[in-house]
C-alpha atoms as a PDB file:
ATOM      1  CA  MET A   1     -84.078 -12.621  26.955  1.00  0.00           C
ATOM      2  CA  ILE A   2     -83.757 -13.704  30.686  1.00  0.00           C
ATOM      3  CA  LEU A   3     -81.569 -11.258  32.756  1.00  0.00           C
ATOM      4  CA  VAL A   4     -79.381 -13.079  35.117  1.00  0.00           C
ATOM      5  CA  THR A   5     -77.707 -10.696  37.996  1.00  0.00           C
ATOM      6  CA  GLY A   6     -75.062 -11.784  40.189  1.00  0.00           C
ATOM      7  CA  ALA A   7     -74.132 -14.253  37.375  1.00  0.00           C
ATOM      8  CA  GLY A   8     -70.245 -14.164  38.321  1.00  0.00           C
ATOM      9  CA  GLY A   9     -71.050 -15.973  41.657  1.00  0.00           C
ATOM     10  CA  LYS A  10     -71.634 -19.617  41.789  1.00  0.00           C
ATOM     11  CA  THR A  11     -75.060 -19.635  41.883  1.00  0.00           C
ATOM     12  CA  GLY A  12     -75.204 -16.992  38.809  1.00  0.00           C
ATOM     13  CA  ARG A  13     -72.726 -19.232  36.986  1.00  0.00           C
ATOM     14  CA  ALA A  14     -74.878 -22.492  37.485  1.00  0.00           C
ATOM     15  CA  VAL A  15     -78.146 -20.570  36.622  1.00  0.00           C
ATOM     16  CA  VAL A  16     -76.807 -19.223  33.357  1.00  0.00           C
ATOM     17  CA  ALA A  17     -74.960 -22.493  32.623  1.00  0.00           C
ATOM     18  CA  ASN A  18     -78.293 -24.255  32.814  1.00  0.00           C
ATOM     19  CA  LEU A  19     -80.325 -21.915  30.678  1.00  0.00           C
ATOM     20  CA  VAL A  20     -77.629 -21.813  28.081  1.00  0.00           C
ATOM     21  CA  SER A  21     -77.982 -25.557  27.828  1.00  0.00           C
ATOM     22  CA  ARG A  22     -81.817 -25.057  27.007  1.00  0.00           C
ATOM     23  CA  ASN A  23     -81.289 -22.957  24.228  1.00  0.00           C
ATOM     24  CA  LEU A  24     -82.699 -20.081  26.037  1.00  0.00           C
ATOM     25  CA  PRO A  25     -81.488 -16.282  25.223  1.00  0.00           C
ATOM     26  CA  VAL A  26     -79.511 -15.349  28.422  1.00  0.00           C
ATOM     27  CA  ARG A  27     -78.087 -11.967  29.545  1.00  0.00           C
ATOM     28  CA  ALA A  28     -75.289 -12.430  32.327  1.00  0.00           C
ATOM     29  CA  TRP A  29     -74.870  -9.180  34.637  1.00  0.00           C
ATOM     30  CA  LEU A  30     -71.035  -9.079  35.694  1.00  0.00           C
ATOM     31  CA  ARG A  31     -69.485  -6.702  37.957  1.00  0.00           C
ATOM     32  CA  GLN A  32     -66.259  -6.967  35.703  1.00  0.00           C
ATOM     33  CA  PRO A  33     -65.876  -9.226  32.488  1.00  0.00           C
ATOM     34  CA  PHE A  34     -64.260 -12.587  32.606  1.00  0.00           C
ATOM     35  CA  ILE A  35     -64.396 -15.859  30.485  1.00  0.00           C
ATOM     36  CA  GLY A  36     -66.594 -18.571  31.194  1.00  0.00           C
ATOM     37  CA  PHE A  37     -69.815 -17.509  29.736  1.00  0.00           C
ATOM     38  CA  ASP A  38     -70.176 -18.996  26.387  1.00  0.00           C
ATOM     39  CA  GLY A  39     -73.637 -19.013  24.891  1.00  0.00           C
ATOM     40  CA  ALA A  40     -74.686 -15.559  26.753  1.00  0.00           C
ATOM     41  CA  ASP A  41     -75.068 -12.131  26.190  1.00  0.00           C
ATOM     42  CA  ILE A  42     -72.797 -10.043  28.803  1.00  0.00           C
ATOM     43  CA  PHE A  43     -73.340  -6.936  30.249  1.00  0.00           C
ATOM     44  CA  VAL A  44     -70.794  -5.363  32.718  1.00  0.00           C
ATOM     45  CA  GLY A  45     -72.058  -2.784  35.331  1.00  0.00           C
ATOM     46  CA  ASP A  46     -72.969  -2.078  38.802  1.00  0.00           C
ATOM     47  CA  LEU A  47     -75.944  -3.078  40.825  1.00  0.00           C
ATOM     48  CA  GLU A  48     -76.029  -0.033  42.794  1.00  0.00           C
ATOM     49  CA  ASN A  49     -76.258   1.900  39.615  1.00  0.00           C
ATOM     50  CA  GLU A  50     -79.506   2.956  38.328  1.00  0.00           C
ATOM     51  CA  ALA A  51     -78.623   3.723  34.965  1.00  0.00           C
ATOM     52  CA  ASP A  52     -76.905   0.410  34.481  1.00  0.00           C
ATOM     53  CA  TRP A  53     -80.200  -1.452  35.707  1.00  0.00           C
ATOM     54  CA  ALA A  54     -82.501   0.655  32.709  1.00  0.00           C
ATOM     55  CA  ILE A  55     -79.439  -0.554  30.187  1.00  0.00           C
ATOM     56  CA  ALA A  56     -79.101  -3.764  30.801  1.00  0.00           C
ATOM     57  CA  MET A  57     -83.366  -4.435  31.082  1.00  0.00           C
ATOM     58  CA  GLN A  58     -83.363  -3.632  27.325  1.00  0.00           C
ATOM     59  CA  GLY A  59     -84.798  -6.165  25.464  1.00  0.00           C
ATOM     60  CA  VAL A  60     -85.492  -8.707  28.434  1.00  0.00           C
ATOM     61  CA  GLU A  61     -88.737 -10.100  29.447  1.00  0.00           C
ATOM     62  CA  LYS A  62     -87.904 -12.330  32.576  1.00  0.00           C
ATOM     63  CA  VAL A  63     -85.011 -11.475  35.256  1.00  0.00           C
ATOM     64  CA  TYR A  64     -83.555 -13.880  37.651  1.00  0.00           C
ATOM     65  CA  PHE A  65     -82.550 -11.404  40.320  1.00  0.00           C
ATOM     66  CA  ILE A  66     -79.562 -12.805  42.690  1.00  0.00           C
ATOM     67  CA  CYS A  67     -77.755 -10.350  44.904  1.00  0.00           C
ATOM     68  CA  PRO A  68     -74.202 -10.845  45.588  1.00  0.00           C
ATOM     69  CA  ASN A  69     -73.968 -12.604  49.111  1.00  0.00           C
ATOM     70  CA  LEU A  70     -73.871 -10.831  52.205  1.00  0.00           C
ATOM     71  CA  HIS A  71     -74.159  -7.671  50.294  1.00  0.00           C
ATOM     72  CA  PRO A  72     -74.899  -4.930  53.085  1.00  0.00           C
ATOM     73  CA  ASN A  73     -76.949  -2.984  50.328  1.00  0.00           C
ATOM     74  CA  GLU A  74     -79.395  -5.991  49.364  1.00  0.00           C
ATOM     75  CA  THR A  75     -82.436  -4.133  50.230  1.00  0.00           C
ATOM     76  CA  LEU A  76     -81.429  -0.853  47.592  1.00  0.00           C
ATOM     77  CA  ILE A  77     -80.362  -3.151  45.097  1.00  0.00           C
ATOM     78  CA  GLY A  78     -83.848  -5.183  45.102  1.00  0.00           C
ATOM     79  CA  LYS A  79     -85.846  -1.746  45.079  1.00  0.00           C
ATOM     80  CA  LEU A  80     -83.485  -0.834  41.954  1.00  0.00           C
ATOM     81  CA  ALA A  81     -84.308  -4.078  40.438  1.00  0.00           C
ATOM     82  CA  LEU A  82     -87.734  -3.704  41.046  1.00  0.00           C
ATOM     83  CA  THR A  83     -88.132  -0.070  39.898  1.00  0.00           C
ATOM     84  CA  ALA A  84     -86.347  -0.957  36.621  1.00  0.00           C
ATOM     85  CA  ALA A  85     -88.266  -4.441  36.403  1.00  0.00           C
ATOM     86  CA  ARG A  86     -91.531  -2.073  36.245  1.00  0.00           C
ATOM     87  CA  ARG A  87     -90.290   0.347  34.013  1.00  0.00           C
ATOM     88  CA  ALA A  88     -89.226  -2.452  31.483  1.00  0.00           C
ATOM     89  CA  LYS A  89     -92.999  -4.224  31.954  1.00  0.00           C
ATOM     90  CA  ILE A  90     -91.044  -7.530  32.798  1.00  0.00           C
ATOM     91  CA  LYS A  91     -93.164 -10.624  32.474  1.00  0.00           C
ATOM     92  CA  HIS A  92     -91.683 -12.660  35.182  1.00  0.00           C
ATOM     93  CA  PHE A  93     -89.342 -11.778  37.885  1.00  0.00           C
ATOM     94  CA  VAL A  94     -87.842 -14.325  39.894  1.00  0.00           C
ATOM     95  CA  TYR A  95     -86.097 -13.509  43.172  1.00  0.00           C
ATOM     96  CA  HIS A  96     -83.289 -15.787  44.760  1.00  0.00           C
ATOM     97  CA  SER A  97     -83.806 -15.708  47.998  1.00  0.00           C
ATOM     98  CA  VAL A  98     -82.902 -17.734  51.033  1.00  0.00           C
ATOM     99  CA  LEU A  99     -84.378 -20.582  53.212  1.00  0.00           C
ATOM    100  CA  HIS A 100     -86.279 -18.872  56.137  1.00  0.00           C
ATOM    101  CA  PRO A 101     -85.792 -15.380  55.557  1.00  0.00           C
ATOM    102  CA  GLN A 102     -88.036 -14.650  58.547  1.00  0.00           C
ATOM    103  CA  THR A 103     -85.135 -14.987  60.946  1.00  0.00           C
ATOM    104  CA  HIS A 104     -84.449 -11.545  62.476  1.00  0.00           C
ATOM    105  CA  GLU A 105     -81.456 -12.740  63.715  1.00  0.00           C
ATOM    106  CA  MET A 106     -79.541 -13.395  60.909  1.00  0.00           C
ATOM    107  CA  PRO A 107     -79.303 -10.005  59.234  1.00  0.00           C
ATOM    108  CA  HIS A 108     -78.662 -11.227  55.315  1.00  0.00           C
ATOM    109  CA  HIS A 109     -81.954 -13.433  55.724  1.00  0.00           C
ATOM    110  CA  TRP A 110     -83.851 -10.378  57.109  1.00  0.00           C
ATOM    111  CA  ASN A 111     -82.436  -8.244  54.314  1.00  0.00           C
ATOM    112  CA  LYS A 112     -83.884 -10.764  51.941  1.00  0.00           C
ATOM    113  CA  LEU A 113     -87.031 -10.886  53.748  1.00  0.00           C
ATOM    114  CA  ARG A 114     -87.593  -7.008  53.311  1.00  0.00           C
ATOM    115  CA  VAL A 115     -86.764  -7.615  49.396  1.00  0.00           C
ATOM    116  CA  GLU A 116     -89.639 -10.359  49.341  1.00  0.00           C
ATOM    117  CA  GLU A 117     -92.068  -7.760  50.484  1.00  0.00           C
ATOM    118  CA  MET A 118     -91.047  -5.111  47.953  1.00  0.00           C
ATOM    119  CA  VAL A 119     -91.364  -7.943  45.589  1.00  0.00           C
ATOM    120  CA  PHE A 120     -95.019  -8.665  46.522  1.00  0.00           C
ATOM    121  CA  VAL A 121     -96.221  -5.144  46.153  1.00  0.00           C
ATOM    122  CA  SER A 122     -94.396  -4.793  43.115  1.00  0.00           C
ATOM    123  CA  GLY A 123     -97.169  -5.622  40.815  1.00  0.00           C
ATOM    124  CA  ILE A 124     -94.884  -7.801  38.662  1.00  0.00           C
ATOM    125  CA  PRO A 125     -95.645 -11.195  37.971  1.00  0.00           C
ATOM    126  CA  PHE A 126     -92.876 -13.437  40.482  1.00  0.00           C
ATOM    127  CA  THR A 127     -91.619 -16.198  41.911  1.00  0.00           C
ATOM    128  CA  ILE A 128     -89.515 -16.532  45.025  1.00  0.00           C
ATOM    129  CA  LEU A 129     -87.035 -19.386  45.489  1.00  0.00           C
ATOM    130  CA  GLN A 130     -85.556 -19.867  48.962  1.00  0.00           C
ATOM    131  CA  PRO A 131     -82.542 -22.222  48.533  1.00  0.00           C
ATOM    132  CA  ALA A 132     -81.172 -24.210  51.696  1.00  0.00           C
ATOM    133  CA  THR A 133     -77.490 -24.265  52.528  1.00  0.00           C
ATOM    134  CA  TYR A 134     -75.326 -25.371  49.608  1.00  0.00           C
ATOM    135  CA  MET A 135     -73.928 -28.958  49.555  1.00  0.00           C
ATOM    136  CA  GLN A 136     -71.071 -27.137  47.617  1.00  0.00           C
ATOM    137  CA  ASN A 137     -70.279 -25.186  50.687  1.00  0.00           C
ATOM    138  CA  LEU A 138     -68.146 -28.182  51.753  1.00  0.00           C
ATOM    139  CA  LEU A 139     -65.627 -27.694  48.800  1.00  0.00           C
ATOM    140  CA  PRO A 140     -63.546 -25.358  50.444  1.00  0.00           C
ATOM    141  CA  GLN A 141     -62.424 -27.286  52.711  1.00  0.00           C
ATOM    142  CA  TRP A 142     -62.570 -30.607  50.704  1.00  0.00           C
ATOM    143  CA  SER A 143     -58.554 -31.487  50.827  1.00  0.00           C
ATOM    144  CA  ALA A 144     -58.728 -31.132  54.584  1.00  0.00           C
ATOM    145  CA  ILE A 145     -61.759 -33.550  54.448  1.00  0.00           C
ATOM    146  CA  LYS A 146     -60.160 -35.755  52.439  1.00  0.00           C
ATOM    147  CA  GLN A 147     -56.758 -35.845  53.384  1.00  0.00           C
ATOM    148  CA  ARG A 148     -56.594 -34.887  57.107  1.00  0.00           C
ATOM    149  CA  GLY A 149     -59.916 -36.153  57.849  1.00  0.00           C
ATOM    150  CA  PHE A 150     -61.869 -33.478  59.426  1.00  0.00           C
ATOM    151  CA  LEU A 151     -64.724 -31.530  59.036  1.00  0.00           C
ATOM    152  CA  ARG A 152     -64.420 -28.031  60.828  1.00  0.00           C
ATOM    153  CA  LEU A 153     -67.235 -25.606  61.443  1.00  0.00           C
ATOM    154  CA  PRO A 154     -68.019 -22.946  63.643  1.00  0.00           C
ATOM    155  CA  TYR A 155     -71.037 -24.672  65.413  1.00  0.00           C
ATOM    156  CA  PRO A 156     -71.811 -27.871  67.240  1.00  0.00           C
ATOM    157  CA  ALA A 157     -72.057 -31.084  65.691  1.00  0.00           C
ATOM    158  CA  ARG A 158     -75.726 -31.390  66.669  1.00  0.00           C
ATOM    159  CA  THR A 159     -76.676 -28.639  64.495  1.00  0.00           C
ATOM    160  CA  LYS A 160     -79.124 -29.979  62.303  1.00  0.00           C
ATOM    161  CA  LEU A 161     -79.135 -28.181  58.150  1.00  0.00           C
ATOM    162  CA  SER A 162     -80.880 -29.159  55.349  1.00  0.00           C
ATOM    163  CA  PHE A 163     -78.601 -29.128  52.457  1.00  0.00           C
ATOM    164  CA  VAL A 164     -79.164 -28.473  48.431  1.00  0.00           C
ATOM    165  CA  ASP A 165     -77.504 -29.057  45.376  1.00  0.00           C
ATOM    166  CA  LEU A 166     -76.651 -26.404  43.580  1.00  0.00           C
ATOM    167  CA  GLN A 167     -77.123 -27.879  40.374  1.00  0.00           C
ATOM    168  CA  ASP A 168     -80.809 -28.802  41.731  1.00  0.00           C
ATOM    169  CA  VAL A 169     -81.060 -24.923  42.330  1.00  0.00           C
ATOM    170  CA  ALA A 170     -80.084 -24.206  38.898  1.00  0.00           C
ATOM    171  CA  GLU A 171     -82.511 -26.652  37.335  1.00  0.00           C
ATOM    172  CA  ALA A 172     -85.072 -25.474  39.423  1.00  0.00           C
ATOM    173  CA  ALA A 173     -84.684 -21.994  38.478  1.00  0.00           C
ATOM    174  CA  ALA A 174     -84.942 -22.791  34.755  1.00  0.00           C
ATOM    175  CA  ILE A 175     -87.979 -24.726  35.045  1.00  0.00           C
ATOM    176  CA  VAL A 176     -89.363 -22.099  37.019  1.00  0.00           C
ATOM    177  CA  LEU A 177     -88.453 -19.409  34.142  1.00  0.00           C
ATOM    178  CA  SER A 178     -89.612 -21.525  31.501  1.00  0.00           C
ATOM    179  CA  ASP A 179     -93.040 -22.461  33.151  1.00  0.00           C
ATOM    180  CA  GLU A 180     -95.755 -19.851  34.165  1.00  0.00           C
ATOM    181  CA  THR A 181     -97.324 -22.623  36.575  1.00  0.00           C
ATOM    182  CA  TYR A 182     -95.067 -21.192  39.357  1.00  0.00           C
ATOM    183  CA  VAL A 183     -95.981 -17.351  39.034  1.00  0.00           C
ATOM    184  CA  GLY A 184     -97.090 -16.434  42.173  1.00  0.00           C
ATOM    185  CA  ALA A 185     -95.432 -18.940  44.267  1.00  0.00           C
ATOM    186  CA  THR A 186     -92.802 -19.129  47.367  1.00  0.00           C
ATOM    187  CA  LEU A 187     -90.787 -22.183  46.778  1.00  0.00           C
ATOM    188  CA  GLU A 188     -88.444 -23.744  49.506  1.00  0.00           C
ATOM    189  CA  LEU A 189     -85.531 -25.710  47.916  1.00  0.00           C
ATOM    190  CA  ALA A 190     -84.084 -28.228  50.241  1.00  0.00           C
ATOM    191  CA  GLY A 191     -82.486 -30.948  48.839  1.00  0.00           C
ATOM    192  CA  THR A 192     -82.192 -33.011  52.239  1.00  0.00           C
ATOM    193  CA  SER A 193     -84.360 -33.150  55.418  1.00  0.00           C
ATOM    194  CA  ALA A 194     -82.607 -32.224  58.666  1.00  0.00           C
ATOM    195  CA  LEU A 195     -78.898 -33.877  58.979  1.00  0.00           C
ATOM    196  CA  SER A 196     -76.659 -33.068  62.128  1.00  0.00           C
ATOM    197  CA  GLN A 197     -73.067 -32.169  61.425  1.00  0.00           C
ATOM    198  CA  SER A 198     -72.100 -35.502  63.020  1.00  0.00           C
ATOM    199  CA  ARG A 199     -74.411 -37.176  60.264  1.00  0.00           C
ATOM    200  CA  VAL A 200     -72.707 -35.295  57.742  1.00  0.00           C
ATOM    201  CA  ALA A 201     -69.184 -36.633  59.262  1.00  0.00           C
ATOM    202  CA  GLU A 202     -70.653 -40.114  58.801  1.00  0.00           C
ATOM    203  CA  LEU A 203     -71.632 -39.774  55.491  1.00  0.00           C
ATOM    204  CA  LEU A 204     -68.344 -38.564  54.464  1.00  0.00           C
ATOM    205  CA  THR A 205     -66.688 -41.487  56.370  1.00  0.00           C
ATOM    206  CA  ALA A 206     -68.707 -43.951  54.323  1.00  0.00           C
ATOM    207  CA  GLU A 207     -68.417 -42.552  50.677  1.00  0.00           C
ATOM    208  CA  LEU A 208     -64.533 -41.473  51.416  1.00  0.00           C
ATOM    209  CA  ASN A 209     -63.798 -44.869  52.914  1.00  0.00           C
ATOM    210  CA  ARG A 210     -61.765 -43.057  55.601  1.00  0.00           C
ATOM    211  CA  PRO A 211     -62.669 -42.041  59.408  1.00  0.00           C
ATOM    212  CA  VAL A 212     -63.854 -38.010  58.887  1.00  0.00           C
ATOM    213  CA  PHE A 213     -64.403 -36.174  62.480  1.00  0.00           C
ATOM    214  CA  PHE A 214     -66.208 -33.424  62.991  1.00  0.00           C
ATOM    215  CA  GLU A 215     -64.246 -30.314  64.538  1.00  0.00           C
ATOM    216  CA  GLU A 216     -66.273 -27.700  66.384  1.00  0.00           C
ATOM    217  CA  VAL A 217     -63.937 -24.473  65.466  1.00  0.00           C
ATOM    218  CA  SER A 218     -64.219 -21.582  67.928  1.00  0.00           C
ATOM    219  CA  LEU A 219     -65.642 -18.347  66.982  1.00  0.00           C
ATOM    220  CA  VAL A 220     -62.486 -16.699  68.118  1.00  0.00           C
ATOM    221  CA  ASP A 221     -60.215 -18.946  65.766  1.00  0.00           C
ATOM    222  CA  TRP A 222     -62.935 -18.493  63.192  1.00  0.00           C
ATOM    223  CA  VAL A 223     -62.483 -14.867  63.287  1.00  0.00           C
ATOM    224  CA  GLU A 224     -58.586 -15.157  63.217  1.00  0.00           C
ATOM    225  CA  GLU A 225     -58.777 -17.331  59.989  1.00  0.00           C
ATOM    226  CA  ASN A 226     -61.108 -15.380  58.004  1.00  0.00           C
ATOM    227  CA  SER A 227     -59.487 -11.771  58.877  1.00  0.00           C
ATOM    228  CA  LYS A 228     -59.522 -10.560  55.427  1.00  0.00           C
ATOM    229  CA  LEU A 229     -63.505 -10.266  55.751  1.00  0.00           C
ATOM    230  CA  SER A 230     -64.844  -7.017  55.886  1.00  0.00           C
ATOM    231  CA  VAL A 231     -66.463  -5.973  59.560  1.00  0.00           C
ATOM    232  CA  TYR A 232     -70.258  -6.291  57.624  1.00  0.00           C
ATOM    233  CA  GLU A 233     -69.266 -10.113  56.529  1.00  0.00           C
ATOM    234  CA  ARG A 234     -67.971 -11.089  59.708  1.00  0.00           C
ATOM    235  CA  ASP A 235     -70.612  -9.979  62.037  1.00  0.00           C
ATOM    236  CA  THR A 236     -73.261 -11.298  59.871  1.00  0.00           C
ATOM    237  CA  LEU A 237     -71.645 -14.468  59.423  1.00  0.00           C
ATOM    238  CA  LEU A 238     -71.075 -14.592  63.382  1.00  0.00           C
ATOM    239  CA  ALA A 239     -74.532 -13.947  63.741  1.00  0.00           C
ATOM    240  CA  MET A 240     -75.729 -16.798  61.378  1.00  0.00           C
ATOM    241  CA  PHE A 241     -73.437 -19.386  63.387  1.00  0.00           C
ATOM    242  CA  GLY A 242     -75.130 -18.642  66.277  1.00  0.00           C
ATOM    243  CA  TYR A 243     -78.571 -18.879  65.287  1.00  0.00           C
ATOM    244  CA  TYR A 244     -77.337 -22.484  63.554  1.00  0.00           C
ATOM    245  CA  ALA A 245     -76.169 -23.380  66.960  1.00  0.00           C
ATOM    246  CA  ASN A 246     -79.345 -22.711  68.717  1.00  0.00           C
ATOM    247  CA  TYR A 247     -82.150 -23.753  66.027  1.00  0.00           C
ATOM    248  CA  GLY A 248     -80.387 -25.351  62.989  1.00  0.00           C
ATOM    249  CA  LEU A 249     -81.693 -24.302  59.484  1.00  0.00           C
ATOM    250  CA  VAL A 250     -84.094 -26.962  58.195  1.00  0.00           C
ATOM    251  CA  GLY A 251     -86.416 -27.458  55.388  1.00  0.00           C
ATOM    252  CA  ASN A 252     -88.047 -30.356  53.287  1.00  0.00           C
ATOM    253  CA  PRO A 253     -87.063 -31.811  50.081  1.00  0.00           C
ATOM    254  CA  ALA A 254     -90.732 -32.521  48.486  1.00  0.00           C
ATOM    255  CA  VAL A 255     -90.918 -28.815  47.069  1.00  0.00           C
ATOM    256  CA  LEU A 256     -87.873 -28.873  45.079  1.00  0.00           C
ATOM    257  CA  GLY A 257     -88.801 -32.908  44.180  1.00  0.00           C
ATOM    258  CA  MET A 258     -92.098 -31.847  42.882  1.00  0.00           C
ATOM    259  CA  ILE A 259     -90.317 -29.190  40.490  1.00  0.00           C
ATOM    260  CA  LEU A 260     -87.626 -31.055  39.360  1.00  0.00           C
ATOM    261  CA  ASP A 261     -89.988 -34.434  38.662  1.00  0.00           C
ATOM    262  CA  ARG A 262     -87.594 -36.506  40.612  1.00  0.00           C
ATOM    263  CA  THR A 263     -85.926 -37.209  44.127  1.00  0.00           C
ATOM    264  CA  PRO A 264     -83.279 -34.223  44.758  1.00  0.00           C
ATOM    265  CA  HIS A 265     -79.389 -35.118  44.771  1.00  0.00           C
ATOM    266  CA  ASP A 266     -79.008 -36.133  48.364  1.00  0.00           C
ATOM    267  CA  LEU A 267     -75.555 -35.806  50.339  1.00  0.00           C
ATOM    268  CA  THR A 268     -74.148 -39.215  49.148  1.00  0.00           C
ATOM    269  CA  ASP A 269     -74.914 -38.171  45.536  1.00  0.00           C
ATOM    270  CA  PHE A 270     -72.664 -34.917  46.130  1.00  0.00           C
ATOM    271  CA  ILE A 271     -70.279 -36.765  47.953  1.00  0.00           C
ATOM    272  CA  GLN A 272     -69.796 -39.345  45.318  1.00  0.00           C
ATOM    273  CA  SER A 273     -69.849 -36.758  42.213  1.00  0.00           C
ATOM    274  CA  GLN A 274     -66.384 -35.298  43.829  1.00  0.00           C
END
């Protein structure tokens, strides 16, 4: 049995679906029950509850650990996960981290680095996956892109990012969980080389057959448009935008291509699939 935590989020859903498609036994950990997990065993619990971890680990051999996005207590949850995994004698612990967790200026990246350190000293056979920015992050503004022709982001057009298709990440996760070759590895998962946001707009223009222009949103306007975020989420994302503006976030698709044994999907593939 493979336990996938954070299964209700977009990453967890994709990983569970890929594992189920391979007829692998999966337990999906959800915060609250809902439909859409055919073929998976469902566990509903609180990631910050030690007792829930003990129950969730029963009959489990492998864990794919995803902490909910921007969770302020990721280090605590990581400690609970690894403690429970040791007690359950888990054979393979795969941690869903992030590209360049070493960046202190981005708190959510830095928290993941702290969990990576815990993984290293846990004594559990492990693999760490470090995905780049998802191509799917474009989807919340897809209608605006197609209908009004604007890609609006709170950092400059020159900002260079590497992107990865979530479906490629899910496939890589399933491969890593199925193959002991990757035990002990820390693997960056990028699907593209560096793309400026102006280049992203050019690709959208070419594939959507309409002009798409990049518009940099001021941080003041972004805060007003996202007023429902918690203070932690807001401040963490603002720190991320500042880091992106100064340094970008760039990886290399070679590692992901090696795992998939094919060329990862590029941004053109993703746009065409929508």
